[in-house]
């Protein structure tokens, strides 16, 4: 089986959709939805519900020294929907760990505020 998936797209929008179980990949331009679903399912051991694909237009970039226009990027993007409750551990955002730390910091700040107000009432 040829390698269809080139890389995962890790943008802010992609991270938000990962929380909903939708993962975005840059794939080979000649690949089909069925091939993409099969590759993701076998590679990451998950169950794929559906796949949406779209072509991404290449952007023009001007090289200053030679004054030439060059095309960068482009290709085919696949949004893979996983079965509810399943995630791809390698790509999942680490917001859970950050969320726990933020909660701990928030609780410690609340304790500090309570201590300060208690000290203020005593004095």
PDB file of N, CA and C in Angstrom:
ATOM      1  N   UNK A   1       0.845  -1.182   0.000  1.00  0.00           N
ATOM      2  CA  UNK A   1       0.000   0.000   0.000  1.00  0.00           C
ATOM      3  C   UNK A   1       0.891   1.246   0.000  1.00  0.00           C
ATOM      4  N   UNK A   2       0.635   2.144  -0.912  1.00  0.00           N
ATOM      5  CA  UNK A   2       1.434   3.364  -0.983  1.00  0.00           C
ATOM      6  C   UNK A   2       1.033   4.320   0.131  1.00  0.00           C
ATOM      7  N   UNK A   3       1.946   5.205   0.491  1.00  0.00           N
ATOM      8  CA  UNK A   3       1.691   6.160   1.558  1.00  0.00           C
ATOM      9  C   UNK A   3       0.920   7.353   1.001  1.00  0.00           C
ATOM     10  N   UNK A   4      -0.347   7.437   1.311  1.00  0.00           N
ATOM     11  CA  UNK A   4      -1.214   8.490   0.801  1.00  0.00           C
ATOM     12  C   UNK A   4      -1.106   9.747   1.650  1.00  0.00           C
ATOM     13  N   UNK A   5      -1.021   9.575   2.965  1.00  0.00           N
ATOM     14  CA  UNK A   5      -0.988  10.712   3.885  1.00  0.00           C
ATOM     15  C   UNK A   5       0.405  11.329   3.878  1.00  0.00           C
ATOM     16  N   UNK A   6       0.487  12.612   3.493  1.00  0.00           N
ATOM     17  CA  UNK A   6       1.771  13.310   3.484  1.00  0.00           C
ATOM     18  C   UNK A   6       2.101  13.849   4.868  1.00  0.00           C
ATOM     19  N   UNK A   7       1.161  14.606   5.460  1.00  0.00           N
ATOM     20  CA  UNK A   7       1.372  15.137   6.809  1.00  0.00           C
ATOM     21  C   UNK A   7       0.044  15.615   7.376  1.00  0.00           C
ATOM     22  N   UNK A   8       0.026  15.794   8.674  1.00  0.00           N
ATOM     23  CA  UNK A   8      -1.162  16.327   9.341  1.00  0.00           C
ATOM     24  C   UNK A   8      -1.101  17.846   9.298  1.00  0.00           C
ATOM     25  N   UNK A   9      -2.258  18.463   9.126  1.00  0.00           N
ATOM     26  CA  UNK A   9      -2.327  19.920   9.144  1.00  0.00           C
ATOM     27  C   UNK A   9      -2.603  20.332  10.582  1.00  0.00           C
ATOM     28  N   UNK A  10      -1.681  21.086  11.173  1.00  0.00           N
ATOM     29  CA  UNK A  10      -1.783  21.481  12.572  1.00  0.00           C
ATOM     30  C   UNK A  10      -1.912  22.994  12.669  1.00  0.00           C
ATOM     31  N   UNK A  11      -3.111  23.472  12.421  1.00  0.00           N
ATOM     32  CA  UNK A  11      -3.400  24.899  12.527  1.00  0.00           C
ATOM     33  C   UNK A  11      -4.373  25.114  13.682  1.00  0.00           C
ATOM     34  N   UNK A  12      -4.657  26.363  13.972  1.00  0.00           N
ATOM     35  CA  UNK A  12      -5.590  26.673  15.049  1.00  0.00           C
ATOM     36  C   UNK A  12      -6.978  26.094  14.752  1.00  0.00           C
ATOM     37  N   UNK A  13      -7.399  26.229  13.518  1.00  0.00           N
ATOM     38  CA  UNK A  13      -8.700  25.694  13.105  1.00  0.00           C
ATOM     39  C   UNK A  13      -8.709  24.164  13.198  1.00  0.00           C
ATOM     40  N   UNK A  14      -7.604  23.537  12.822  1.00  0.00           N
ATOM     41  CA  UNK A  14      -7.510  22.078  12.878  1.00  0.00           C
ATOM     42  C   UNK A  14      -7.566  21.581  14.323  1.00  0.00           C
ATOM     43  N   UNK A  15      -6.917  22.304  15.245  1.00  0.00           N
ATOM     44  CA  UNK A  15      -6.954  21.905  16.648  1.00  0.00           C
ATOM     45  C   UNK A  15      -8.367  21.996  17.215  1.00  0.00           C
ATOM     46  N   UNK A  16      -9.120  23.025  16.809  1.00  0.00           N
ATOM     47  CA  UNK A  16     -10.502  23.157  17.278  1.00  0.00           C
ATOM     48  C   UNK A  16     -11.358  21.998  16.767  1.00  0.00           C
ATOM     49  N   UNK A  17     -11.136  21.600  15.523  1.00  0.00           N
ATOM     50  CA  UNK A  17     -11.922  20.497  14.969  1.00  0.00           C
ATOM     51  C   UNK A  17     -11.487  19.150  15.550  1.00  0.00           C
ATOM     52  N   UNK A  18     -10.241  19.035  16.019  1.00  0.00           N
ATOM     53  CA  UNK A  18      -9.784  17.787  16.640  1.00  0.00           C
ATOM     54  C   UNK A  18     -10.581  17.482  17.900  1.00  0.00           C
ATOM     55  N   UNK A  19     -11.012  18.525  18.605  1.00  0.00           N
ATOM     56  CA  UNK A  19     -11.808  18.315  19.813  1.00  0.00           C
ATOM     57  C   UNK A  19     -13.149  17.673  19.480  1.00  0.00           C
ATOM     58  N   UNK A  20     -13.612  17.853  18.245  1.00  0.00           N
ATOM     59  CA  UNK A  20     -14.875  17.270  17.791  1.00  0.00           C
ATOM     60  C   UNK A  20     -14.668  15.918  17.116  1.00  0.00           C
ATOM     61  N   UNK A  21     -13.415  15.472  16.985  1.00  0.00           N
ATOM     62  CA  UNK A  21     -13.128  14.185  16.356  1.00  0.00           C
ATOM     63  C   UNK A  21     -12.892  14.274  14.864  1.00  0.00           C
ATOM     64  N   UNK A  22     -12.533  15.476  14.370  1.00  0.00           N
ATOM     65  CA  UNK A  22     -12.264  15.676  12.946  1.00  0.00           C
ATOM     66  C   UNK A  22     -10.778  16.000  12.794  1.00  0.00           C
ATOM     67  N   UNK A  23     -10.069  15.191  12.025  1.00  0.00           N
ATOM     68  CA  UNK A  23      -8.630  15.370  11.829  1.00  0.00           C
ATOM     69  C   UNK A  23      -8.356  15.742  10.377  1.00  0.00           C
ATOM     70  N   UNK A  24      -7.428  16.680  10.169  1.00  0.00           N
ATOM     71  CA  UNK A  24      -7.141  17.205   8.838  1.00  0.00           C
ATOM     72  C   UNK A  24      -5.742  16.774   8.400  1.00  0.00           C
ATOM     73  N   UNK A  25      -5.660  16.256   7.173  1.00  0.00           N
ATOM     74  CA  UNK A  25      -4.394  15.782   6.622  1.00  0.00           C
ATOM     75  C   UNK A  25      -4.170  16.355   5.234  1.00  0.00           C
ATOM     76  N   UNK A  26      -2.909  16.553   4.874  1.00  0.00           N
ATOM     77  CA  UNK A  26      -2.529  16.857   3.503  1.00  0.00           C
ATOM     78  C   UNK A  26      -2.238  15.509   2.859  1.00  0.00           C
ATOM     79  N   UNK A  27      -2.920  15.211   1.753  1.00  0.00           N
ATOM     80  CA  UNK A  27      -2.828  13.881   1.140  1.00  0.00           C
ATOM     81  C   UNK A  27      -2.381  13.987  -0.314  1.00  0.00           C
ATOM     82  N   UNK A  28      -2.070  12.839  -0.897  1.00  0.00           N
ATOM     83  CA  UNK A  28      -1.693  12.764  -2.305  1.00  0.00           C
ATOM     84  C   UNK A  28      -2.865  13.234  -3.163  1.00  0.00           C
ATOM     85  N   UNK A  29      -2.581  14.020  -4.183  1.00  0.00           N
ATOM     86  CA  UNK A  29      -3.622  14.631  -5.019  1.00  0.00           C
ATOM     87  C   UNK A  29      -4.440  13.599  -5.791  1.00  0.00           C
ATOM     88  N   UNK A  30      -3.896  12.409  -6.023  1.00  0.00           N
ATOM     89  CA  UNK A  30      -4.609  11.393  -6.803  1.00  0.00           C
ATOM     90  C   UNK A  30      -5.391  10.413  -5.935  1.00  0.00           C
ATOM     91  N   UNK A  31      -5.356  10.583  -4.631  1.00  0.00           N
ATOM     92  CA  UNK A  31      -6.020   9.630  -3.738  1.00  0.00           C
ATOM     93  C   UNK A  31      -7.525   9.875  -3.667  1.00  0.00           C
ATOM     94  N   UNK A  32      -8.262   8.811  -3.374  1.00  0.00           N
ATOM     95  CA  UNK A  32      -9.720   8.888  -3.262  1.00  0.00           C
ATOM     96  C   UNK A  32     -10.122   8.859  -1.788  1.00  0.00           C
ATOM     97  N   UNK A  33     -11.395   9.146  -1.530  1.00  0.00           N
ATOM     98  CA  UNK A  33     -11.899   9.142  -0.161  1.00  0.00           C
ATOM     99  C   UNK A  33     -11.763   7.761   0.481  1.00  0.00           C
ATOM    100  N   UNK A  34     -12.063   6.727  -0.277  1.00  0.00           N
ATOM    101  CA  UNK A  34     -11.988   5.365   0.258  1.00  0.00           C
ATOM    102  C   UNK A  34     -10.553   4.990   0.611  1.00  0.00           C
ATOM    103  N   UNK A  35      -9.608   5.366  -0.246  1.00  0.00           N
ATOM    104  CA  UNK A  35      -8.196   5.081   0.029  1.00  0.00           C
ATOM    105  C   UNK A  35      -7.730   5.818   1.279  1.00  0.00           C
ATOM    106  N   UNK A  36      -8.143   7.075   1.416  1.00  0.00           N
ATOM    107  CA  UNK A  36      -7.751   7.875   2.579  1.00  0.00           C
ATOM    108  C   UNK A  36      -8.316   7.253   3.852  1.00  0.00           C
ATOM    109  N   UNK A  37      -9.596   6.874   3.826  1.00  0.00           N
ATOM    110  CA  UNK A  37     -10.241   6.263   4.992  1.00  0.00           C
ATOM    111  C   UNK A  37      -9.542   4.967   5.383  1.00  0.00           C
ATOM    112  N   UNK A  38      -9.223   4.145   4.395  1.00  0.00           N
ATOM    113  CA  UNK A  38      -8.549   2.871   4.644  1.00  0.00           C
ATOM    114  C   UNK A  38      -7.168   3.097   5.260  1.00  0.00           C
ATOM    115  N   UNK A  39      -6.423   4.064   4.727  1.00  0.00           N
ATOM    116  CA  UNK A  39      -5.069   4.350   5.214  1.00  0.00           C
ATOM    117  C   UNK A  39      -5.099   4.871   6.655  1.00  0.00           C
ATOM    118  N   UNK A  40      -6.001   5.805   6.949  1.00  0.00           N
ATOM    119  CA  UNK A  40      -6.093   6.364   8.304  1.00  0.00           C
ATOM    120  C   UNK A  40      -6.515   5.279   9.292  1.00  0.00           C
ATOM    121  N   UNK A  41      -7.491   4.465   8.920  1.00  0.00           N
ATOM    122  CA  UNK A  41      -7.972   3.401   9.801  1.00  0.00           C
ATOM    123  C   UNK A  41      -6.872   2.393  10.118  1.00  0.00           C
ATOM    124  N   UNK A  42      -6.092   2.010   9.130  1.00  0.00           N
ATOM    125  CA  UNK A  42      -5.042   1.017   9.371  1.00  0.00           C
ATOM    126  C   UNK A  42      -3.828   1.618  10.077  1.00  0.00           C
ATOM    127  N   UNK A  43      -3.493   2.845   9.754  1.00  0.00           N
ATOM    128  CA  UNK A  43      -2.295   3.471  10.316  1.00  0.00           C
ATOM    129  C   UNK A  43      -2.486   3.862  11.785  1.00  0.00           C
ATOM    130  N   UNK A  44      -3.660   4.417  12.130  1.00  0.00           N
ATOM    131  CA  UNK A  44      -3.891   4.922  13.480  1.00  0.00           C
ATOM    132  C   UNK A  44      -4.813   4.033  14.315  1.00  0.00           C
ATOM    133  N   UNK A  45      -5.283   2.915  13.778  1.00  0.00           N
ATOM    134  CA  UNK A  45      -6.159   1.966  14.476  1.00  0.00           C
ATOM    135  C   UNK A  45      -7.409   2.650  15.025  1.00  0.00           C
ATOM    136  N   UNK A  46      -8.116   3.362  14.153  1.00  0.00           N
ATOM    137  CA  UNK A  46      -9.369   4.032  14.497  1.00  0.00           C
ATOM    138  C   UNK A  46     -10.429   3.679  13.463  1.00  0.00           C
ATOM    139  N   UNK A  47     -11.688   4.008  13.768  1.00  0.00           N
ATOM    140  CA  UNK A  47     -12.779   3.753  12.833  1.00  0.00           C
ATOM    141  C   UNK A  47     -13.200   5.075  12.198  1.00  0.00           C
ATOM    142  N   UNK A  48     -13.106   5.154  10.882  1.00  0.00           N
ATOM    143  CA  UNK A  48     -13.432   6.373  10.142  1.00  0.00           C
ATOM    144  C   UNK A  48     -14.906   6.351   9.760  1.00  0.00           C
ATOM    145  N   UNK A  49     -15.621   7.440  10.071  1.00  0.00           N
ATOM    146  CA  UNK A  49     -17.041   7.554   9.738  1.00  0.00           C
ATOM    147  C   UNK A  49     -17.207   8.112   8.336  1.00  0.00           C
ATOM    148  N   UNK A  50     -16.528   9.231   8.045  1.00  0.00           N
ATOM    149  CA  UNK A  50     -16.592   9.804   6.696  1.00  0.00           C
ATOM    150  C   UNK A  50     -15.356  10.647   6.430  1.00  0.00           C
ATOM    151  N   UNK A  51     -15.151  10.968   5.152  1.00  0.00           N
ATOM    152  CA  UNK A  51     -14.004  11.765   4.719  1.00  0.00           C
ATOM    153  C   UNK A  51     -14.489  12.851   3.768  1.00  0.00           C
ATOM    154  N   UNK A  52     -14.085  14.084   4.034  1.00  0.00           N
ATOM    155  CA  UNK A  52     -14.326  15.190   3.108  1.00  0.00           C
ATOM    156  C   UNK A  52     -12.984  15.598   2.514  1.00  0.00           C
ATOM    157  N   UNK A  53     -12.938  15.844   1.212  1.00  0.00           N
ATOM    158  CA  UNK A  53     -11.695  16.257   0.567  1.00  0.00           C
ATOM    159  C   UNK A  53     -11.901  17.562  -0.186  1.00  0.00           C
ATOM    160  N   UNK A  54     -10.802  18.279  -0.354  1.00  0.00           N
ATOM    161  CA  UNK A  54     -10.851  19.518  -1.118  1.00  0.00           C
ATOM    162  C   UNK A  54      -9.467  19.867  -1.616  1.00  0.00           C
ATOM    163  N   UNK A  55      -9.419  20.525  -2.753  1.00  0.00           N
ATOM    164  CA  UNK A  55      -8.141  20.950  -3.301  1.00  0.00           C
ATOM    165  C   UNK A  55      -7.766  22.305  -2.721  1.00  0.00           C
ATOM    166  N   UNK A  56      -6.511  22.434  -2.319  1.00  0.00           N
ATOM    167  CA  UNK A  56      -6.000  23.679  -1.768  1.00  0.00           C
ATOM    168  C   UNK A  56      -5.184  24.356  -2.855  1.00  0.00           C
ATOM    169  N   UNK A  57      -5.525  25.591  -3.165  1.00  0.00           N
ATOM    170  CA  UNK A  57      -4.819  26.323  -4.217  1.00  0.00           C
ATOM    171  C   UNK A  57      -3.426  26.724  -3.742  1.00  0.00           C
ATOM    172  N   UNK A  58      -2.465  26.683  -4.665  1.00  0.00           N
ATOM    173  CA  UNK A  58      -1.110  27.118  -4.359  1.00  0.00           C
ATOM    174  C   UNK A  58      -1.070  28.637  -4.284  1.00  0.00           C
ATOM    175  N   UNK A  59      -0.248  29.166  -3.386  1.00  0.00           N
ATOM    176  CA  UNK A  59      -0.133  30.613  -3.236  1.00  0.00           C
ATOM    177  C   UNK A  59       1.092  31.109  -3.993  1.00  0.00           C
ATOM    178  N   UNK A  60       0.983  32.308  -4.550  1.00  0.00           N
ATOM    179  CA  UNK A  60       2.112  32.907  -5.261  1.00  0.00           C
ATOM    180  C   UNK A  60       3.013  33.628  -4.275  1.00  0.00           C
ATOM    181  N   UNK A  61       4.299  33.516  -4.512  1.00  0.00           N
ATOM    182  CA  UNK A  61       5.282  34.165  -3.663  1.00  0.00           C
ATOM    183  C   UNK A  61       6.315  34.809  -4.565  1.00  0.00           C
ATOM    184  N   UNK A  62       6.699  36.040  -4.255  1.00  0.00           N
ATOM    185  CA  UNK A  62       7.677  36.751  -5.073  1.00  0.00           C
ATOM    186  C   UNK A  62       9.044  36.660  -4.412  1.00  0.00           C
ATOM    187  N   UNK A  63      10.030  36.221  -5.180  1.00  0.00           N
ATOM    188  CA  UNK A  63      11.398  36.157  -4.687  1.00  0.00           C
ATOM    189  C   UNK A  63      12.057  37.488  -5.019  1.00  0.00           C
ATOM    190  N   UNK A  64      12.518  38.197  -4.008  1.00  0.00           N
ATOM    191  CA  UNK A  64      12.985  39.575  -4.163  1.00  0.00           C
ATOM    192  C   UNK A  64      14.218  39.691  -5.054  1.00  0.00           C
ATOM    193  N   UNK A  65      15.183  38.822  -4.859  1.00  0.00           N
ATOM    194  CA  UNK A  65      16.449  38.962  -5.569  1.00  0.00           C
ATOM    195  C   UNK A  65      16.284  38.776  -7.078  1.00  0.00           C
ATOM    196  N   UNK A  66      15.553  37.764  -7.482  1.00  0.00           N
ATOM    197  CA  UNK A  66      15.419  37.477  -8.913  1.00  0.00           C
ATOM    198  C   UNK A  66      14.116  38.010  -9.499  1.00  0.00           C
ATOM    199  N   UNK A  67      13.246  38.546  -8.668  1.00  0.00           N
ATOM    200  CA  UNK A  67      11.952  39.104  -9.078  1.00  0.00           C
ATOM    201  C   UNK A  67      11.073  38.081  -9.801  1.00  0.00           C
ATOM    202  N   UNK A  68      11.125  36.863  -9.370  1.00  0.00           N
ATOM    203  CA  UNK A  68      10.315  35.816  -9.988  1.00  0.00           C
ATOM    204  C   UNK A  68       9.122  35.477  -9.098  1.00  0.00           C
ATOM    205  N   UNK A  69       8.037  35.077  -9.743  1.00  0.00           N
ATOM    206  CA  UNK A  69       6.862  34.593  -9.032  1.00  0.00           C
ATOM    207  C   UNK A  69       6.964  33.071  -8.931  1.00  0.00           C
ATOM    208  N   UNK A  70       6.805  32.539  -7.731  1.00  0.00           N
ATOM    209  CA  UNK A  70       6.908  31.105  -7.502  1.00  0.00           C
ATOM    210  C   UNK A  70       5.641  30.642  -6.782  1.00  0.00           C
ATOM    211  N   UNK A  71       5.172  29.457  -7.126  1.00  0.00           N
ATOM    212  CA  UNK A  71       4.008  28.885  -6.454  1.00  0.00           C
ATOM    213  C   UNK A  71       4.475  28.056  -5.257  1.00  0.00           C
ATOM    214  N   UNK A  72       3.834  28.250  -4.111  1.00  0.00           N
ATOM    215  CA  UNK A  72       4.172  27.477  -2.917  1.00  0.00           C
ATOM    216  C   UNK A  72       2.921  26.806  -2.370  1.00  0.00           C
ATOM    217  N   UNK A  73       3.104  25.672  -1.739  1.00  0.00           N
ATOM    218  CA  UNK A  73       1.990  24.976  -1.100  1.00  0.00           C
ATOM    219  C   UNK A  73       1.067  24.322  -2.095  1.00  0.00           C
ATOM    220  N   UNK A  74      -0.186  24.271  -1.726  1.00  0.00           N
ATOM    221  CA  UNK A  74      -1.178  23.638  -2.584  1.00  0.00           C
ATOM    222  C   UNK A  74      -1.229  22.146  -2.356  1.00  0.00           C
ATOM    223  N   UNK A  75      -2.199  21.514  -2.936  1.00  0.00           N
ATOM    224  CA  UNK A  75      -2.354  20.070  -2.817  1.00  0.00           C
ATOM    225  C   UNK A  75      -3.782  19.703  -2.500  1.00  0.00           C
ATOM    226  N   UNK A  76      -3.953  18.559  -1.864  1.00  0.00           N
ATOM    227  CA  UNK A  76      -5.284  18.063  -1.536  1.00  0.00           C
ATOM    228  C   UNK A  76      -5.384  17.882  -0.026  1.00  0.00           C
ATOM    229  N   UNK A  77      -6.468  18.392   0.541  1.00  0.00           N
ATOM    230  CA  UNK A  77      -6.687  18.334   1.977  1.00  0.00           C
ATOM    231  C   UNK A  77      -7.839  17.380   2.266  1.00  0.00           C
ATOM    232  N   UNK A  78      -7.674  16.531   3.276  1.00  0.00           N
ATOM    233  CA  UNK A  78      -8.723  15.591   3.666  1.00  0.00           C
ATOM    234  C   UNK A  78      -9.092  15.811   5.124  1.00  0.00           C
ATOM    235  N   UNK A  79     -10.398  15.967   5.374  1.00  0.00           N
ATOM    236  CA  UNK A  79     -10.904  16.071   6.741  1.00  0.00           C
ATOM    237  C   UNK A  79     -11.545  14.731   7.085  1.00  0.00           C
ATOM    238  N   UNK A  80     -10.955  14.034   8.050  1.00  0.00           N
ATOM    239  CA  UNK A  80     -11.367  12.686   8.406  1.00  0.00           C
ATOM    240  C   UNK A  80     -12.178  12.732   9.701  1.00  0.00           C
ATOM    241  N   UNK A  81     -13.413  12.234   9.640  1.00  0.00           N
ATOM    242  CA  UNK A  81     -14.302  12.187  10.799  1.00  0.00           C
ATOM    243  C   UNK A  81     -14.183  10.815  11.448  1.00  0.00           C
ATOM    244  N   UNK A  82     -13.859  10.790  12.740  1.00  0.00           N
ATOM    245  CA  UNK A  82     -13.726   9.530  13.462  1.00  0.00           C
ATOM    246  C   UNK A  82     -15.006   9.206  14.221  1.00  0.00           C
ATOM    247  N   UNK A  83     -15.147   7.935  14.581  1.00  0.00           N
ATOM    248  CA  UNK A  83     -16.289   7.491  15.371  1.00  0.00           C
ATOM    249  C   UNK A  83     -16.243   8.203  16.724  1.00  0.00           C
ATOM    250  N   UNK A  84     -17.408   8.505  17.292  1.00  0.00           N
ATOM    251  CA  UNK A  84     -17.500   9.241  18.554  1.00  0.00           C
ATOM    252  C   UNK A  84     -16.688   8.558  19.651  1.00  0.00           C
ATOM    253  N   UNK A  85     -15.902   9.344  20.357  1.00  0.00           N
ATOM    254  CA  UNK A  85     -15.098   8.823  21.454  1.00  0.00           C
ATOM    255  C   UNK A  85     -13.703   8.381  21.061  1.00  0.00           C
ATOM    256  N   UNK A  86     -13.408   8.295  19.779  1.00  0.00           N
ATOM    257  CA  UNK A  86     -12.079   7.875  19.341  1.00  0.00           C
ATOM    258  C   UNK A  86     -11.207   9.090  19.047  1.00  0.00           C
ATOM    259  N   UNK A  87      -9.921   8.954  19.319  1.00  0.00           N
ATOM    260  CA  UNK A  87      -8.965  10.021  19.027  1.00  0.00           C
ATOM    261  C   UNK A  87      -7.692   9.414  18.468  1.00  0.00           C
ATOM    262  N   UNK A  88      -6.907  10.249  17.834  1.00  0.00           N
ATOM    263  CA  UNK A  88      -5.573   9.860  17.390  1.00  0.00           C
ATOM    264  C   UNK A  88      -4.615  10.473  18.402  1.00  0.00           C
ATOM    265  N   UNK A  89      -4.017   9.637  19.242  1.00  0.00           N
ATOM    266  CA  UNK A  89      -3.224  10.108  20.376  1.00  0.00           C
ATOM    267  C   UNK A  89      -2.045  10.978  19.952  1.00  0.00           C
ATOM    268  N   UNK A  90      -1.433  10.655  18.846  1.00  0.00           N
ATOM    269  CA  UNK A  90      -0.258  11.397  18.388  1.00  0.00           C
ATOM    270  C   UNK A  90      -0.624  12.831  18.020  1.00  0.00           C
ATOM    271  N   UNK A  91      -1.812  13.028  17.464  1.00  0.00           N
ATOM    272  CA  UNK A  91      -2.215  14.342  16.979  1.00  0.00           C
ATOM    273  C   UNK A  91      -3.120  15.104  17.931  1.00  0.00           C
ATOM    274  N   UNK A  92      -3.627  14.456  18.969  1.00  0.00           N
ATOM    275  CA  UNK A  92      -4.582  15.111  19.862  1.00  0.00           C
ATOM    276  C   UNK A  92      -3.942  16.305  20.547  1.00  0.00           C
ATOM    277  N   UNK A  93      -4.698  17.405  20.659  1.00  0.00           N
ATOM    278  CA  UNK A  93      -4.162  18.579  21.339  1.00  0.00           C
ATOM    279  C   UNK A  93      -3.945  18.272  22.811  1.00  0.00           C
ATOM    280  N   UNK A  94      -2.943  18.874  23.387  1.00  0.00           N
ATOM    281  CA  UNK A  94      -2.605  18.606  24.780  1.00  0.00           C
ATOM    282  C   UNK A  94      -3.329  19.575  25.706  1.00  0.00           C
ATOM    283  N   UNK A  95      -4.535  19.944  25.328  1.00  0.00           N
ATOM    284  CA  UNK A  95      -5.317  20.890  26.120  1.00  0.00           C
ATOM    285  C   UNK A  95      -5.769  20.274  27.440  1.00  0.00           C
ATOM    286  N   UNK A  96      -5.898  18.951  27.493  1.00  0.00           N
ATOM    287  CA  UNK A  96      -6.320  18.300  28.724  1.00  0.00           C
ATOM    288  C   UNK A  96      -5.287  18.530  29.817  1.00  0.00           C
ATOM    289  N   UNK A  97      -4.011  18.343  29.486  1.00  0.00           N
ATOM    290  CA  UNK A  97      -2.952  18.553  30.467  1.00  0.00           C
ATOM    291  C   UNK A  97      -2.863  20.030  30.844  1.00  0.00           C
ATOM    292  N   UNK A  98      -2.981  20.901  29.865  1.00  0.00           N
ATOM    293  CA  UNK A  98      -2.945  22.332  30.128  1.00  0.00           C
ATOM    294  C   UNK A  98      -4.142  22.741  30.968  1.00  0.00           C
ATOM    295  N   UNK A  99      -5.286  22.154  30.694  1.00  0.00           N
ATOM    296  CA  UNK A  99      -6.498  22.468  31.433  1.00  0.00           C
ATOM    297  C   UNK A  99      -6.363  22.114  32.908  1.00  0.00           C
ATOM    298  N   UNK A 100      -5.742  20.970  33.196  1.00  0.00           N
ATOM    299  CA  UNK A 100      -5.532  20.563  34.583  1.00  0.00           C
ATOM    300  C   UNK A 100      -4.607  21.539  35.289  1.00  0.00           C
ATOM    301  N   UNK A 101      -3.521  21.942  34.617  1.00  0.00           N
ATOM    302  CA  UNK A 101      -2.586  22.881  35.216  1.00  0.00           C
ATOM    303  C   UNK A 101      -3.255  24.230  35.451  1.00  0.00           C
ATOM    304  N   UNK A 102      -4.065  24.664  34.510  1.00  0.00           N
ATOM    305  CA  UNK A 102      -4.756  25.944  34.647  1.00  0.00           C
ATOM    306  C   UNK A 102      -5.728  25.893  35.824  1.00  0.00           C
ATOM    307  N   UNK A 103      -6.421  24.769  35.984  1.00  0.00           N
ATOM    308  CA  UNK A 103      -7.344  24.630  37.109  1.00  0.00           C
ATOM    309  C   UNK A 103      -6.585  24.684  38.428  1.00  0.00           C
ATOM    310  N   UNK A 104      -5.423  23.994  38.483  1.00  0.00           N
ATOM    311  CA  UNK A 104      -4.620  24.004  39.698  1.00  0.00           C
ATOM    312  C   UNK A 104      -4.148  25.418  40.015  1.00  0.00           C
ATOM    313  N   UNK A 105      -3.707  26.153  39.000  1.00  0.00           N
ATOM    314  CA  UNK A 105      -3.267  27.528  39.210  1.00  0.00           C
ATOM    315  C   UNK A 105      -4.424  28.389  39.688  1.00  0.00           C
ATOM    316  N   UNK A 106      -5.574  28.196  39.096  1.00  0.00           N
ATOM    317  CA  UNK A 106      -6.759  28.956  39.480  1.00  0.00           C
ATOM    318  C   UNK A 106      -7.155  28.676  40.917  1.00  0.00           C
ATOM    319  N   UNK A 107      -7.064  27.428  41.341  1.00  0.00           N
ATOM    320  CA  UNK A 107      -7.414  27.067  42.709  1.00  0.00           C
ATOM    321  C   UNK A 107      -6.412  27.657  43.688  1.00  0.00           C
ATOM    322  N   UNK A 108      -5.123  27.640  43.329  1.00  0.00           N
ATOM    323  CA  UNK A 108      -4.117  28.197  44.230  1.00  0.00           C
ATOM    324  C   UNK A 108      -4.282  29.712  44.346  1.00  0.00           C
ATOM    325  N   UNK A 109      -4.677  30.379  43.261  1.00  0.00           N
ATOM    326  CA  UNK A 109      -4.921  31.820  43.318  1.00  0.00           C
ATOM    327  C   UNK A 109      -6.116  32.120  44.212  1.00  0.00           C
ATOM    328  N   UNK A 110      -7.159  31.291  44.108  1.00  0.00           N
ATOM    329  CA  UNK A 110      -8.334  31.484  44.955  1.00  0.00           C
ATOM    330  C   UNK A 110      -7.970  31.319  46.424  1.00  0.00           C
ATOM    331  N   UNK A 111      -7.118  30.333  46.743  1.00  0.00           N
ATOM    332  CA  UNK A 111      -6.680  30.126  48.122  1.00  0.00           C
ATOM    333  C   UNK A 111      -5.896  31.332  48.617  1.00  0.00           C
ATOM    334  N   UNK A 112      -5.011  31.873  47.767  1.00  0.00           N
ATOM    335  CA  UNK A 112      -4.230  33.052  48.137  1.00  0.00           C
ATOM    336  C   UNK A 112      -5.142  34.238  48.418  1.00  0.00           C
ATOM    337  N   UNK A 113      -6.149  34.416  47.580  1.00  0.00           N
ATOM    338  CA  UNK A 113      -7.090  35.526  47.757  1.00  0.00           C
ATOM    339  C   UNK A 113      -7.864  35.350  49.060  1.00  0.00           C
ATOM    340  N   UNK A 114      -8.278  34.126  49.360  1.00  0.00           N
ATOM    341  CA  UNK A 114      -9.008  33.862  50.596  1.00  0.00           C
ATOM    342  C   UNK A 114      -8.130  34.132  51.811  1.00  0.00           C
ATOM    343  N   UNK A 115      -6.845  33.768  51.730  1.00  0.00           N
ATOM    344  CA  UNK A 115      -5.927  34.010  52.836  1.00  0.00           C
ATOM    345  C   UNK A 115      -5.727  35.504  53.056  1.00  0.00           C
ATOM    346  N   UNK A 116      -5.584  36.250  51.967  1.00  0.00           N
ATOM    347  CA  UNK A 116      -5.376  37.693  52.063  1.00  0.00           C
ATOM    348  C   UNK A 116      -6.606  38.363  52.661  1.00  0.00           C
ATOM    349  N   UNK A 117      -7.784  37.971  52.215  1.00  0.00           N
ATOM    350  CA  UNK A 117      -9.009  38.573  52.750  1.00  0.00           C
ATOM    351  C   UNK A 117      -9.198  38.193  54.216  1.00  0.00           C
ATOM    352  N   UNK A 118      -8.820  36.971  54.592  1.00  0.00           N
ATOM    353  CA  UNK A 118      -8.923  36.544  55.990  1.00  0.00           C
ATOM    354  C   UNK A 118      -7.960  37.349  56.858  1.00  0.00           C
ATOM    355  N   UNK A 119      -6.749  37.591  56.356  1.00  0.00           N
ATOM    356  CA  UNK A 119      -5.770  38.386  57.094  1.00  0.00           C
ATOM    357  C   UNK A 119      -6.242  39.826  57.231  1.00  0.00           C
ATOM    358  N   UNK A 120      -6.865  40.340  56.192  1.00  0.00           N
ATOM    359  CA  UNK A 120      -7.376  41.714  56.217  1.00  0.00           C
ATOM    360  C   UNK A 120      -8.492  41.883  57.233  1.00  0.00           C
ATOM    361  N   UNK A 121      -9.314  40.872  57.413  1.00  0.00           N
ATOM    362  CA  UNK A 121     -10.418  40.933  58.372  1.00  0.00           C
ATOM    363  C   UNK A 121      -9.908  40.877  59.806  1.00  0.00           C
ATOM    364  N   UNK A 122      -8.818  40.125  60.014  1.00  0.00           N
ATOM    365  CA  UNK A 122      -8.267  39.983  61.361  1.00  0.00           C
ATOM    366  C   UNK A 122      -7.646  41.285  61.847  1.00  0.00           C
ATOM    367  N   UNK A 123      -6.952  41.995  60.935  1.00  0.00           N
ATOM    368  CA  UNK A 123      -6.169  43.177  61.311  1.00  0.00           C
ATOM    369  C   UNK A 123      -6.941  44.394  61.329  1.00  0.00           C
TER     370      UNK A 123
END
